[in-house]
Structure formats: C-alpha cells, structure tokens
Amino acid sequence: MSSELAYDLPHGNRTYLYAFAAVALFILGIACINYVNLATSRATQRMRAIGLRKILGAGRASLIAHFLGESVLFALLATVLGVILVEVLLSLPAATALFGKTLMLDLFGRPLLALTVLGFGLLVGLAAGLYPALYLSSFMPLTALVGRYQPSGGLRLREALVFTQFAISIGVIASTLLMGQQMRFIANKGLGFDKENRVLVTLRGRDLVEREALIAAELEKQPGVLGVATSATIMGRDMPHATGGVQNNEGVMTNFGFSFLPVGDDFIPVMGIELVQGRDFSRRLLTDVGAAYIVNETFVRAMGWDDPLGKRIGLGAGGVMNTGPVIGVVKDFNYQSLRSSIEPFAMLRNNPEAGQLLMIVSIAPDGLRETLQHVRKLFAEVDPKRPFEYTFLDEELDRLYVSEERLMRLSGIFGAICIFVACLGLFGLAASATEQRTKEIGVRKVLGASTLTIILLLARRVLVLVGAGAIVASVVTWLAMQEWLSGFAYRAALNPAYFLLAALGAGAVALLTIALQSWRTAHGDPVQALRYE
C-alpha cells in the first residue's frame, strides 16, 4: 500500500508493488513460452498419432480440445504445487526477513482468493496451450503419417520466443546489478553529518522535556558518552516547511519558503555538522533564549546574502512569529533522504513547552554495550513509569531505503528464476534439435568435426538470439533504470559494464545448457548416429 504520511516510515510504494507483479508475470510468461516451444519443437513425435486420429474421424475441434485439456491439466497441477511451495516458503524465517513482515496465503480462509488463483491457473493453461493446439491440429492426415510435414513459421516462432525469454532475463539481471550499484552509492555517500554511534531516545511528557538540560548533564557524566543534544525530530525524515519573512540585503522582509528544525544546544557538534560562519546556540547568551537561527549554505545562496550574520528571519506570513537574527551558517548536509536535494534550511531553538523531544546521545564505539547499560539505568531513574526505548540513527536512516533494498533482493531472486526457467526450456529445445540433427552430426563427425565444433554449431543460433535479446533488453532496462533513478537527487551513473555482464552471464548459461544436452550425441560414435534412421 502507499502512504502519504510524512512521518509514517517506511513509506509504502505502489510502484514497487506493480514492479513485483510485472516481474512475476514475466516469469509466468517465460514458463508459457517454454511450454509453447517444447510442444511445437517435439511435434514430429506426435505427427503419426495425430494423422491416425484424423483418419479415424477426429475433427480439428476435438484435437484442439484435447491439446488444450493437456495444457490446462498441467497448469492446474502446477498451480497446486505452486500453492504448496508458497506456503512452505512463507513459513521460513528468511521470507519474513525479506518482506519485513509475516505473510500468509490462507486460501481456505479467503475463498475469493482461492477462486482467483484457480481461475488464473485455468487462464495460464489456456494461454499456453492455445498456439500448440492450433499448431498440432493443423497437420494434414496423410503427410502427418509420413512424418515429413512441417508447418511454416514454427521455427521462427520458437526463435522469437527464445529471444523474448532471454531479453526478459537479461533485463531483470541488469536491473538488479544497477540497483545494487545505486544502493552502494547511497551507503557510501557522505551525508554531511555523523550517523554512527548516535543513540536516539524520545523524551515524552512536558515534565521530562523541561528537565532535558539536567538529564543531558547527567548523561555526559556517564563513561563513554561523548555528547548529548536534542531536536524535534530525527534526521532523514521530512522536515517542517514554512513560508516566513526573511530579510534581504536591502533590509526588507520578503516572503521565503524554507525547511526548519527546532534543536537544542550542542546539536551541531554532537551531529558532527561543520559550522562555516558565526557560532552555535548558547544558553548563556540572552539573545539565544528567544528566537535565533542557524542556516545552511543553500539558504544563503538562495537569498543572495553578502553577509548572512544578523539578517532577520521570522516564521509565519511576513515573519510575525519567532523573529530573530541569523547567528551562524553551517555547511550543507543531507537532512532528508538522498531522494531529495538540499534545500534552504534553518535551525532554531527547541520549544520548551513541547510535549515530546528527541534526545541524541553520542557514544564512543569502545564499550558500547556498557555505556548503553549506564544510559538505561539513568533513564530508569528519571522516567520510571515508561520503559527505556532507543534506536540508532544509522538504523533509522537505513530504513529510508528499505523498499529499494527489498526490491533489489527480490529482483535478484526473480532474475535467477528467469534464467533457470528459460534454461529449462532451452534444455528441452536443445534435446529436440539434437535429436532431429543426429544424422547430420554423424556425417560431420565422420568428416572430422570435433565435439566442440558440433556443440558450437548447435548453440550458434541460440547465442545470436541471446545477443539480440541483450541489445533490446539493454535499451529497455536503460530507460527503466533512468526513470527509477530519477527518484533520487543523488545517483550513480549507469555503468554499461553491468549490461555486458548480464549478457555474457546469460550467454554462458545458455551455452552450458546446450553443451550439457548435446555432449552425449556430439561425443558419441558417429556410426551409431548414422544408423539412427
């Protein structure tokens, strides 16, 4: 589902749900293609039976119904096995970790879903079996009995289907590799502040918020605590946005939109943010007890300030609320997700009457467990009515990209399944092609052809199709990934090497599949091959 709430993390993403459904349909399509390929490529083995049935009076309609019945039966059996497999997989802890929640199919408790699954199985059976039924029932009786009838277009169709299979597989694999590249880029990109070993504890209740300075002082006495600060919310979430009055270079208050964050003393040093001009907030200065602002470099550039210090900012239309001077400028940092670019941003003092506040505790990496025990003990004393709950800032920031991480992992799984299913079909096609060319292989062996030469001969056409599929898949995937990356303000450049890697991987798997199937015939005694017919 999709969430429109700014602080409801992690957000649902309807686009990813559609993407998963599309990939699932791709895999199902590849499986249907396999059925069509295998049913048509092995048609010669059923010619005589079909011809005999037609001579005995069977009409084309009854033959079509028979072949469709076969495909529907296979599809329904596959549906039953698929439901059992899904139930088993969803019960595994790995599935719960992958999806972030426990999922249940529960077909008995949801009859509508059960009917939908059954209907989908029937639809797949009909879709996969329609062309083979029309193809096989088209044989003329007498020529079918002779066994030499080959309806035109069958080979080209099979090649087109192989091309489609590997284009889909290569596209999914390349997408997975490029997603991994982007997620590594995000993980390694500097945010402009320190996120490691920052413990977040929420102070609830005005009585606790009013004592935050005393609590911070006690925490700083604890061994391993490097610093304590407070803010209204955590980094990475959508910050409050306001249109306020901001003084320009001519001293005139103009309306200007910016994001802001109420913070407490020492927020800048505790978070490791670089102060490039002016100073930090200080309780010892009366001017800071009221309204005062620290802005980022983007704010200064947007206003075109020559000297930002002393310029006045106020919230509300015309700046009628919390009006105060700019006392400092910080280097730009990513206070939101890396999907968003850095915008004008200001920090002001926390509201002392707030009912909730976030406390940020910077802890030394050595002795982390012992320091957390000291912090837990202190909060048990100052707030005995509530359980001590905390989280780490880096974990909270990682949650911003949990949907992308899951999409990447699922795409990798889907890509492997695509290749596996495609190779199952290719294995059958290779068997059929090898069987039909057994005599040709024997002649070539007698004339001195090596085993490798014969394998490459059988695989050459498929490798050309894989190459063509790679070109099409690369173009489509490039466009799709450009669209996906447009959701990030900071993104890695698409690396063409990943497309080449996906294509080479698919080609190698295809070659290996054909080689395994054709090795026995290609390596066998040519005399046996020539006696085949």
Protein backbone atom coordinates (compact mmCIF):
# COMPACT_ATOMS: atom_id res chain seq x y z
CA MET A 1 0.00 0.00 0.00
CA SER A 2 1.01 3.60 -0.36
CA SER A 3 1.46 6.03 2.49
CA GLU A 4 1.00 9.77 2.28
CA LEU A 5 2.08 10.50 5.85
CA ALA A 6 5.45 12.22 6.08
CA TYR A 7 6.41 10.54 9.35
CA ASP A 8 4.96 7.13 8.60
CA LEU A 9 8.18 5.24 7.85
CA PRO A 10 8.99 3.22 5.89
CA HIS A 11 6.65 4.51 3.17
CA GLY A 12 4.75 2.01 1.07
CA ASN A 13 5.47 2.31 -2.63
CA ARG A 14 2.72 1.30 -5.04
CA THR A 15 5.17 1.45 -7.95
CA TYR A 16 7.29 -1.32 -6.44
CA LEU A 17 4.18 -3.46 -5.95
CA TYR A 18 3.42 -3.07 -9.64
CA ALA A 19 7.06 -3.85 -10.46
CA PHE A 20 6.92 -7.12 -8.49
CA ALA A 21 3.67 -8.07 -10.25
CA ALA A 22 5.24 -7.29 -13.63
CA VAL A 23 8.30 -9.44 -12.92
CA ALA A 24 6.05 -12.27 -11.72
CA LEU A 25 4.12 -12.04 -14.99
CA PHE A 26 7.44 -12.07 -16.86
CA ILE A 27 8.40 -15.33 -15.16
CA LEU A 28 4.98 -16.79 -15.89
CA GLY A 29 5.32 -15.65 -19.49
CA ILE A 30 8.70 -17.37 -19.77
CA ALA A 31 7.15 -20.58 -18.45
CA CYS A 32 4.34 -20.34 -21.01
CA ILE A 33 6.93 -19.75 -23.72
CA ASN A 34 8.70 -22.92 -22.61
CA TYR A 35 5.52 -24.90 -22.99
CA VAL A 36 4.87 -23.48 -26.46
CA ASN A 37 8.45 -24.13 -27.53
CA LEU A 38 8.59 -27.70 -26.26
CA ALA A 39 5.14 -28.60 -27.57
CA THR A 40 5.88 -27.33 -31.07
CA SER A 41 9.51 -28.46 -31.28
CA ARG A 42 8.58 -32.06 -30.45
CA ALA A 43 5.62 -32.05 -32.82
CA THR A 44 7.24 -34.57 -35.14
CA GLN A 45 6.97 -37.24 -32.42
CA ARG A 46 3.18 -36.80 -32.37
CA MET A 47 2.57 -36.48 -36.12
CA ARG A 48 1.66 -40.09 -36.74
CA ALA A 49 -0.71 -40.22 -33.77
CA ILE A 50 -2.41 -37.03 -34.92
CA GLY A 51 -2.67 -38.30 -38.51
CA LEU A 52 -4.13 -41.61 -37.35
CA ARG A 53 -6.75 -39.85 -35.23
CA LYS A 54 -7.79 -37.66 -38.16
CA ILE A 55 -8.11 -40.70 -40.46
CA LEU A 56 -10.27 -42.40 -37.80
CA GLY A 57 -12.63 -39.43 -37.86
CA ALA A 58 -11.36 -36.99 -35.23
CA GLY A 59 -12.09 -33.40 -36.21
CA ARG A 60 -9.78 -30.48 -35.68
CA ALA A 61 -12.03 -29.09 -32.93
CA SER A 62 -11.78 -32.27 -30.88
CA LEU A 63 -7.99 -32.30 -31.31
CA ILE A 64 -7.78 -28.68 -30.19
CA ALA A 65 -9.91 -29.50 -27.15
CA HIS A 66 -7.65 -32.47 -26.38
CA PHE A 67 -4.44 -30.45 -26.53
CA LEU A 68 -5.97 -27.58 -24.57
CA GLY A 69 -7.09 -30.08 -21.95
CA GLU A 70 -3.50 -31.30 -21.64
CA SER A 71 -2.15 -27.78 -21.09
CA VAL A 72 -4.91 -26.88 -18.61
CA LEU A 73 -4.25 -30.09 -16.66
CA PHE A 74 -0.53 -29.27 -16.46
CA ALA A 75 -1.34 -25.70 -15.39
CA LEU A 76 -3.71 -26.85 -12.63
CA LEU A 77 -1.14 -29.34 -11.33
CA ALA A 78 1.46 -26.57 -11.39
CA THR A 79 -0.98 -24.30 -9.51
CA VAL A 80 -1.40 -26.87 -6.73
CA LEU A 81 2.36 -27.40 -6.48
CA GLY A 82 2.90 -23.62 -6.55
CA VAL A 83 0.48 -23.05 -3.66
CA ILE A 84 2.21 -25.74 -1.62
CA LEU A 85 5.61 -24.23 -2.41
CA VAL A 86 4.43 -20.73 -1.45
CA GLU A 87 3.05 -21.98 1.87
CA VAL A 88 6.36 -23.69 2.65
CA LEU A 89 8.48 -20.68 1.65
CA LEU A 90 6.36 -18.17 3.58
CA SER A 91 6.79 -20.22 6.75
CA LEU A 92 10.58 -19.82 6.57
CA PRO A 93 12.28 -17.10 8.68
CA ALA A 94 14.16 -15.91 5.59
CA ALA A 95 10.86 -14.93 3.92
CA THR A 96 9.81 -12.92 6.96
CA ALA A 97 13.17 -11.13 6.98
CA LEU A 98 12.95 -10.42 3.25
CA PHE A 99 9.48 -8.88 3.35
CA GLY A 100 9.76 -7.33 6.80
CA LYS A 101 6.54 -8.99 7.96
CA THR A 102 4.89 -12.38 8.23
CA LEU A 103 2.79 -13.22 5.18
CA MET A 104 0.10 -15.90 4.90
CA LEU A 105 -1.68 -17.21 1.81
CA ASP A 106 -4.67 -18.71 3.72
CA LEU A 107 -6.69 -19.92 0.73
CA PHE A 108 -9.16 -21.80 2.95
CA GLY A 109 -10.00 -18.68 4.91
CA ARG A 110 -10.21 -16.50 1.79
CA PRO A 111 -12.38 -18.28 -0.79
CA LEU A 112 -12.32 -15.35 -3.21
CA LEU A 113 -8.51 -15.52 -3.34
CA ALA A 114 -8.69 -19.29 -3.83
CA LEU A 115 -11.07 -18.85 -6.77
CA THR A 116 -8.79 -16.16 -8.21
CA VAL A 117 -5.76 -18.46 -8.03
CA LEU A 118 -7.73 -21.30 -9.61
CA GLY A 119 -9.05 -19.04 -12.36
CA PHE A 120 -5.56 -17.71 -13.02
CA GLY A 121 -4.30 -21.28 -13.36
CA LEU A 122 -7.02 -22.04 -15.92
CA LEU A 123 -6.21 -18.86 -17.83
CA VAL A 124 -2.50 -19.70 -17.95
CA GLY A 125 -3.27 -23.21 -19.18
CA LEU A 126 -5.45 -21.88 -21.97
CA ALA A 127 -2.97 -19.15 -22.93
CA ALA A 128 -0.01 -21.55 -23.02
CA GLY A 129 -1.84 -24.31 -24.83
CA LEU A 130 -3.73 -22.33 -27.46
CA TYR A 131 -0.99 -22.00 -30.07
CA PRO A 132 0.35 -25.58 -29.68
CA ALA A 133 -3.24 -26.86 -30.00
CA LEU A 134 -3.77 -24.92 -33.22
CA TYR A 135 -0.29 -25.88 -34.46
CA LEU A 136 -0.58 -29.62 -33.81
CA SER A 137 -4.14 -29.90 -35.08
CA SER A 138 -3.16 -28.30 -38.39
CA PHE A 139 -1.25 -31.38 -39.67
CA MET A 140 -2.70 -32.98 -42.80
CA PRO A 141 -3.56 -36.65 -42.15
CA LEU A 142 -1.55 -38.37 -44.89
CA THR A 143 1.56 -36.19 -44.70
CA ALA A 144 1.43 -36.46 -40.89
CA LEU A 145 1.52 -40.26 -41.18
CA VAL A 146 4.56 -39.99 -43.43
CA GLY A 147 6.18 -37.79 -40.75
CA ARG A 148 7.63 -35.12 -43.03
CA TYR A 149 5.12 -32.32 -42.62
CA GLN A 150 6.47 -29.12 -41.15
CA PRO A 151 4.04 -26.17 -40.94
CA SER A 152 5.75 -22.96 -41.95
CA GLY A 153 6.69 -20.45 -39.31
CA GLY A 154 7.22 -22.91 -36.44
CA LEU A 155 10.99 -22.47 -36.28
CA ARG A 156 10.79 -18.72 -36.48
CA LEU A 157 8.21 -18.63 -33.71
CA ARG A 158 10.40 -20.74 -31.44
CA GLU A 159 13.35 -18.47 -32.12
CA ALA A 160 11.24 -15.41 -31.37
CA LEU A 161 10.15 -16.97 -28.08
CA VAL A 162 13.74 -17.83 -27.09
CA PHE A 163 14.70 -14.24 -27.92
CA THR A 164 11.88 -12.96 -25.67
CA GLN A 165 12.85 -15.26 -22.82
CA PHE A 166 16.45 -14.15 -22.69
CA ALA A 167 15.62 -10.49 -23.28
CA ILE A 168 13.44 -10.58 -20.16
CA SER A 169 16.05 -12.50 -18.16
CA ILE A 170 18.92 -10.20 -19.13
CA GLY A 171 16.80 -7.13 -18.39
CA VAL A 172 15.94 -8.33 -14.88
CA ILE A 173 19.54 -9.28 -14.11
CA ALA A 174 20.92 -5.96 -15.40
CA SER A 175 18.32 -4.08 -13.35
CA THR A 176 19.39 -5.94 -10.21
CA LEU A 177 23.06 -5.13 -10.79
CA LEU A 178 22.30 -1.44 -11.39
CA MET A 179 20.11 -1.25 -8.28
CA GLY A 180 22.95 -2.70 -6.26
CA GLN A 181 25.28 -0.07 -7.69
CA GLN A 182 22.90 2.73 -6.65
CA MET A 183 22.37 1.36 -3.14
CA ARG A 184 26.14 1.05 -2.63
CA PHE A 185 26.49 4.64 -3.86
CA ILE A 186 23.94 5.80 -1.28
CA ALA A 187 25.54 3.77 1.50
CA ASN A 188 28.96 5.28 0.82
CA LYS A 189 27.89 8.86 0.16
CA GLY A 190 28.78 11.37 2.85
CA LEU A 191 25.70 12.95 4.41
CA GLY A 192 27.44 15.96 5.90
CA PHE A 193 26.93 14.73 9.47
CA ASP A 194 27.94 11.75 11.61
CA LYS A 195 25.37 8.97 11.89
CA GLU A 196 27.41 6.25 13.58
CA ASN A 197 27.01 5.52 17.30
CA ARG A 198 24.23 8.09 17.76
CA VAL A 199 21.57 6.72 20.09
CA LEU A 200 18.08 8.24 19.84
CA VAL A 201 15.85 8.35 22.93
CA THR A 202 12.42 10.02 22.92
CA LEU A 203 11.52 12.20 25.91
CA ARG A 204 7.73 12.01 26.38
CA GLY A 205 5.77 14.38 28.58
CA ARG A 206 6.29 18.05 29.34
CA ASP A 207 7.75 17.28 32.78
CA LEU A 208 10.54 15.25 31.17
CA VAL A 209 11.11 17.77 28.37
CA GLU A 210 11.53 20.59 30.90
CA ARG A 211 14.29 18.57 32.60
CA GLU A 212 16.16 17.78 29.38
CA ALA A 213 19.11 20.02 30.33
CA LEU A 214 19.52 18.21 33.68
CA ILE A 215 19.18 14.81 32.01
CA ALA A 216 21.78 15.79 29.39
CA ALA A 217 24.16 16.94 32.11
CA GLU A 218 23.81 13.62 33.93
CA LEU A 219 24.28 11.66 30.74
CA GLU A 220 27.50 13.49 29.92
CA LYS A 221 28.89 12.32 33.25
CA GLN A 222 28.50 8.70 32.17
CA PRO A 223 31.66 6.98 30.90
CA GLY A 224 31.56 6.52 27.12
CA VAL A 225 29.08 9.36 26.46
CA LEU A 226 30.74 11.90 24.17
CA GLY A 227 27.93 14.41 23.91
CA VAL A 228 24.17 14.95 24.20
CA ALA A 229 21.82 17.11 22.11
CA THR A 230 18.10 17.38 21.39
CA SER A 231 15.90 18.05 18.37
CA ALA A 232 12.24 17.96 17.44
CA THR A 233 12.63 15.02 15.06
CA ILE A 234 15.28 12.75 13.59
CA MET A 235 17.49 13.38 10.60
CA GLY A 236 16.28 11.83 7.38
CA ARG A 237 12.59 12.47 7.88
CA ASP A 238 10.63 15.16 6.10
CA MET A 239 11.26 18.38 7.97
CA PRO A 240 8.57 21.01 8.70
CA HIS A 241 8.29 23.58 5.93
CA ALA A 242 7.17 27.17 6.28
CA THR A 243 6.89 30.37 4.32
CA GLY A 244 8.29 33.08 6.55
CA GLY A 245 9.64 36.57 6.42
CA VAL A 246 13.35 36.80 5.60
CA GLN A 247 15.37 40.00 5.46
CA ASN A 248 17.14 40.63 2.15
CA ASN A 249 20.33 42.61 1.52
CA GLU A 250 18.33 45.85 1.44
CA GLY A 251 16.85 45.13 4.87
CA VAL A 252 13.34 44.45 3.55
CA MET A 253 11.39 41.44 4.89
CA THR A 254 10.37 39.24 1.95
CA ASN A 255 8.36 36.01 1.89
CA PHE A 256 10.61 32.98 1.51
CA GLY A 257 9.94 29.24 1.84
CA PHE A 258 12.34 27.01 3.78
CA SER A 259 12.51 23.88 5.92
CA PHE A 260 13.36 24.20 9.59
CA LEU A 261 14.22 22.07 12.59
CA PRO A 262 13.98 23.06 16.26
CA VAL A 263 17.16 21.89 18.04
CA GLY A 264 18.86 22.29 21.39
CA ASP A 265 22.35 23.25 22.49
CA ASP A 266 25.30 21.29 21.10
CA PHE A 267 23.23 19.80 18.25
CA ILE A 268 25.81 20.89 15.67
CA PRO A 269 28.93 19.42 17.38
CA VAL A 270 27.12 16.27 18.53
CA MET A 271 25.94 15.57 14.98
CA GLY A 272 29.34 16.44 13.50
CA ILE A 273 27.97 19.23 11.31
CA GLU A 274 30.52 21.78 10.10
CA LEU A 275 29.94 25.38 11.19
CA VAL A 276 31.41 27.62 8.46
CA GLN A 277 30.41 31.04 9.78
CA GLY A 278 29.16 32.55 13.02
CA ARG A 279 28.53 30.48 16.16
CA ASP A 280 26.33 27.79 17.71
CA PHE A 281 23.38 28.32 20.06
CA SER A 282 24.24 29.03 23.69
CA ARG A 283 22.05 29.19 26.79
CA ARG A 284 24.46 31.67 28.32
CA LEU A 285 23.51 34.35 25.80
CA LEU A 286 20.19 36.10 26.37
CA THR A 287 19.84 36.74 22.64
CA ASP A 288 19.62 32.97 22.09
CA VAL A 289 16.96 32.39 24.73
CA GLY A 290 14.45 33.95 22.34
CA ALA A 291 14.43 33.35 18.60
CA ALA A 292 17.73 32.88 16.74
CA TYR A 293 18.57 30.98 13.57
CA ILE A 294 21.39 28.98 12.07
CA VAL A 295 21.00 28.46 8.31
CA ASN A 296 22.68 26.29 5.69
CA GLU A 297 24.73 27.46 2.71
CA THR A 298 21.86 26.83 0.30
CA PHE A 299 19.72 29.27 2.31
CA VAL A 300 22.42 31.94 1.99
CA ARG A 301 22.81 31.38 -1.76
CA ALA A 302 19.06 31.43 -2.34
CA MET A 303 18.74 34.77 -0.54
CA GLY A 304 21.86 36.18 -2.19
CA TRP A 305 23.15 37.45 1.14
CA ASP A 306 26.52 39.19 1.13
CA ASP A 307 26.78 38.84 4.92
CA PRO A 308 24.17 36.50 6.44
CA LEU A 309 25.01 37.17 10.10
CA GLY A 310 22.48 39.45 11.69
CA LYS A 311 19.87 39.06 8.96
CA ARG A 312 16.43 38.51 10.49
CA ILE A 313 14.10 35.56 9.94
CA GLY A 314 10.57 35.05 11.19
CA LEU A 315 8.02 32.28 10.80
CA GLY A 316 4.52 32.90 9.53
CA ALA A 317 3.36 35.26 6.78
CA GLY A 318 5.51 38.35 6.95
CA GLY A 319 7.66 36.82 9.70
CA VAL A 320 5.39 37.79 12.59
CA MET A 321 6.34 34.79 14.79
CA ASN A 322 9.67 33.77 16.33
CA THR A 323 11.54 36.61 14.64
CA GLY A 324 15.26 36.62 15.33
CA PRO A 325 18.72 37.08 13.81
CA VAL A 326 20.89 34.65 11.91
CA ILE A 327 23.78 33.76 14.22
CA GLY A 328 25.55 31.10 12.16
CA VAL A 329 25.87 29.25 8.86
CA VAL A 330 26.52 25.50 8.53
CA LYS A 331 27.90 23.58 5.60
CA ASP A 332 25.19 21.92 3.52
CA PHE A 333 24.21 18.47 4.81
CA ASN A 334 21.53 15.99 3.74
CA TYR A 335 18.93 16.47 6.42
CA GLN A 336 16.42 14.42 4.38
CA SER A 337 16.57 11.28 2.30
CA LEU A 338 19.00 11.23 -0.62
CA ARG A 339 15.96 11.13 -2.85
CA SER A 340 15.67 14.86 -2.12
CA SER A 341 18.16 17.57 -2.98
CA ILE A 342 19.40 20.00 -0.34
CA GLU A 343 17.08 22.97 0.02
CA PRO A 344 17.12 26.15 2.15
CA PHE A 345 17.16 25.00 5.77
CA ALA A 346 17.24 26.73 9.14
CA MET A 347 17.67 25.58 12.73
CA LEU A 348 16.11 27.38 15.67
CA ARG A 349 15.86 26.70 19.38
CA ASN A 350 13.56 23.96 20.70
CA ASN A 351 10.16 24.91 22.03
CA PRO A 352 10.45 24.47 25.84
CA GLU A 353 6.72 23.78 26.06
CA ALA A 354 6.81 20.85 23.65
CA GLY A 355 5.27 17.61 24.87
CA GLN A 356 7.88 15.43 23.18
CA LEU A 357 11.55 15.78 22.33
CA LEU A 358 14.21 13.61 20.75
CA MET A 359 17.46 13.21 22.66
CA ILE A 360 20.60 12.30 20.69
CA VAL A 361 23.39 10.63 22.65
CA SER A 362 26.81 10.32 21.02
CA ILE A 363 28.55 7.21 22.36
CA ALA A 364 32.14 6.07 21.99
CA PRO A 365 32.42 2.91 19.86
CA ASP A 366 34.51 1.18 22.53
CA GLY A 367 32.41 -0.24 25.34
CA LEU A 368 29.14 0.48 23.56
CA ARG A 369 27.19 -2.19 25.46
CA GLU A 370 28.39 -0.99 28.86
CA THR A 371 27.60 2.65 28.02
CA LEU A 372 24.07 1.70 26.96
CA GLN A 373 23.59 -0.03 30.31
CA HIS A 374 24.56 3.19 32.11
CA VAL A 375 22.16 5.20 29.93
CA ARG A 376 19.37 2.67 30.56
CA LYS A 377 19.93 2.87 34.32
CA LEU A 378 19.81 6.68 34.28
CA PHE A 379 16.54 6.80 32.33
CA ALA A 380 15.03 4.23 34.67
CA GLU A 381 15.68 6.71 37.48
CA VAL A 382 14.42 9.88 35.72
CA ASP A 383 11.45 8.25 33.99
CA PRO A 384 10.47 5.13 35.97
CA LYS A 385 6.92 4.99 34.56
CA ARG A 386 7.98 4.31 30.99
CA PRO A 387 10.18 1.54 29.55
CA PHE A 388 13.52 2.62 28.14
CA GLU A 389 13.32 2.53 24.35
CA TYR A 390 16.08 3.58 21.99
CA THR A 391 17.27 3.20 18.43
CA PHE A 392 20.42 4.04 16.49
CA LEU A 393 20.44 6.87 13.98
CA ASP A 394 22.17 4.83 11.28
CA GLU A 395 19.46 2.17 11.57
CA GLU A 396 16.75 4.81 11.21
CA LEU A 397 18.44 6.20 8.11
CA ASP A 398 18.79 2.72 6.62
CA ARG A 399 15.03 2.33 6.96
CA LEU A 400 14.57 5.12 4.43
CA TYR A 401 15.80 2.78 1.70
CA VAL A 402 14.33 -0.50 2.92
CA SER A 403 11.92 -0.70 -0.03
CA GLU A 404 14.77 -0.26 -2.51
CA GLU A 405 16.84 -2.90 -0.69
CA ARG A 406 13.95 -5.37 -0.82
CA LEU A 407 13.30 -4.55 -4.47
CA MET A 408 16.96 -5.23 -5.24
CA ARG A 409 16.97 -8.57 -3.39
CA LEU A 410 13.69 -9.69 -4.91
CA SER A 411 14.85 -8.64 -8.37
CA GLY A 412 17.96 -10.77 -7.89
CA ILE A 413 15.80 -13.75 -6.92
CA PHE A 414 13.45 -13.13 -9.83
CA GLY A 415 16.40 -12.79 -12.21
CA ALA A 416 17.80 -16.15 -11.11
CA ILE A 417 14.36 -17.74 -11.53
CA CYS A 418 14.02 -16.20 -15.00
CA ILE A 419 17.34 -17.63 -16.13
CA PHE A 420 16.56 -21.03 -14.56
CA VAL A 421 13.14 -21.30 -16.20
CA ALA A 422 14.50 -20.08 -19.53
CA CYS A 423 17.27 -22.67 -19.39
CA LEU A 424 14.77 -25.44 -18.64
CA GLY A 425 13.06 -24.62 -21.90
CA LEU A 426 16.36 -24.27 -23.70
CA PHE A 427 17.42 -27.68 -22.39
CA GLY A 428 14.33 -29.24 -23.97
CA LEU A 429 14.82 -27.35 -27.21
CA ALA A 430 18.43 -28.48 -27.38
CA ALA A 431 17.33 -32.08 -26.87
CA SER A 432 14.81 -31.79 -29.68
CA ALA A 433 17.28 -30.06 -32.03
CA THR A 434 19.97 -32.64 -31.29
CA GLU A 435 17.55 -35.49 -31.93
CA GLN A 436 16.42 -34.01 -35.25
CA ARG A 437 20.03 -33.45 -36.38
CA THR A 438 21.51 -36.74 -35.19
CA LYS A 439 22.30 -37.96 -38.70
CA GLU A 440 23.85 -34.60 -39.65
CA ILE A 441 26.01 -34.75 -36.53
CA GLY A 442 27.19 -38.26 -37.52
CA VAL A 443 28.17 -37.09 -41.01
CA ARG A 444 30.08 -34.13 -39.61
CA LYS A 445 31.90 -36.41 -37.14
CA VAL A 446 32.93 -38.74 -39.97
CA LEU A 447 34.23 -35.74 -41.92
CA GLY A 448 36.44 -34.75 -38.99
CA ALA A 449 34.39 -32.24 -36.98
CA SER A 450 35.36 -32.05 -33.31
CA THR A 451 32.95 -32.26 -30.38
CA LEU A 452 33.42 -28.55 -29.61
CA THR A 453 32.70 -27.62 -33.22
CA ILE A 454 29.43 -29.55 -33.17
CA ILE A 455 28.36 -28.03 -29.86
CA LEU A 456 29.07 -24.54 -31.16
CA LEU A 457 27.15 -25.39 -34.34
CA LEU A 458 24.10 -26.33 -32.29
CA ALA A 459 24.48 -23.33 -30.00
CA ARG A 460 25.34 -20.70 -32.60
CA ARG A 461 21.78 -19.71 -33.45
CA VAL A 462 20.76 -19.54 -29.80
CA LEU A 463 23.77 -17.37 -28.93
CA VAL A 464 22.80 -14.97 -31.74
CA LEU A 465 19.29 -14.77 -30.26
CA VAL A 466 20.74 -14.15 -26.80
CA GLY A 467 22.91 -11.36 -28.22
CA ALA A 468 19.94 -9.75 -29.95
CA GLY A 469 17.88 -10.10 -26.77
CA ALA A 470 20.69 -8.46 -24.82
CA ILE A 471 20.64 -5.42 -27.10
CA VAL A 472 16.89 -4.93 -26.76
CA ALA A 473 16.96 -5.64 -23.03
CA SER A 474 19.78 -3.15 -22.51
CA VAL A 475 17.87 -0.34 -24.22
CA VAL A 476 14.65 -1.02 -22.30
CA THR A 477 16.47 -1.51 -19.00
CA TRP A 478 18.48 1.69 -19.52
CA LEU A 479 15.27 3.69 -19.93
CA ALA A 480 13.58 1.96 -16.99
CA MET A 481 16.55 2.50 -14.68
CA GLN A 482 16.80 6.15 -15.69
CA GLU A 483 13.19 6.53 -14.58
CA TRP A 484 13.88 4.70 -11.28
CA LEU A 485 16.99 6.76 -10.60
CA SER A 486 15.06 9.98 -11.21
CA GLY A 487 13.57 9.39 -7.76
CA PHE A 488 17.00 10.06 -6.22
CA ALA A 489 18.53 13.51 -6.06
CA TYR A 490 21.94 11.82 -5.84
CA ARG A 491 22.51 8.90 -8.16
CA ALA A 492 25.34 6.86 -9.63
CA ALA A 493 25.93 6.95 -13.37
CA LEU A 494 24.64 3.89 -15.20
CA ASN A 495 27.56 1.58 -15.86
CA PRO A 496 27.39 -0.13 -19.29
CA ALA A 497 29.60 -2.91 -17.92
CA TYR A 498 26.62 -4.29 -15.99
CA PHE A 499 24.66 -4.76 -19.23
CA LEU A 500 27.62 -6.58 -20.77
CA LEU A 501 28.00 -8.70 -17.64
CA ALA A 502 24.31 -9.69 -17.70
CA ALA A 503 24.51 -10.57 -21.40
CA LEU A 504 27.71 -12.62 -21.01
CA GLY A 505 26.25 -14.42 -18.00
CA ALA A 506 23.07 -15.32 -19.86
CA GLY A 507 25.07 -16.38 -22.92
CA ALA A 508 27.37 -18.57 -20.83
CA VAL A 509 24.43 -20.25 -19.11
CA ALA A 510 22.71 -20.83 -22.48
CA LEU A 511 25.90 -22.31 -23.97
CA LEU A 512 26.41 -24.55 -20.95
CA THR A 513 22.78 -25.73 -21.12
CA ILE A 514 23.09 -26.69 -24.79
CA ALA A 515 26.51 -28.27 -24.25
CA LEU A 516 25.22 -30.49 -21.44
CA GLN A 517 22.34 -31.67 -23.58
CA SER A 518 24.26 -32.18 -26.85
CA TRP A 519 27.53 -33.51 -25.39
CA ARG A 520 26.50 -37.14 -25.47
CA THR A 521 25.49 -37.09 -29.14
CA ALA A 522 28.39 -34.87 -30.22
CA HIS A 523 30.90 -37.04 -28.34
CA GLY A 524 29.35 -40.35 -29.34
CA ASP A 525 30.22 -42.89 -32.05
CA PRO A 526 29.35 -41.44 -35.50
CA VAL A 527 28.42 -44.93 -36.73
CA GLN A 528 25.58 -45.08 -34.20
CA ALA A 529 24.45 -41.62 -35.30
CA LEU A 530 24.38 -42.66 -38.98
CA ARG A 531 22.35 -45.77 -38.09
CA TYR A 532 19.86 -43.58 -36.20
CA GLU A 533 17.34 -43.60 -39.06
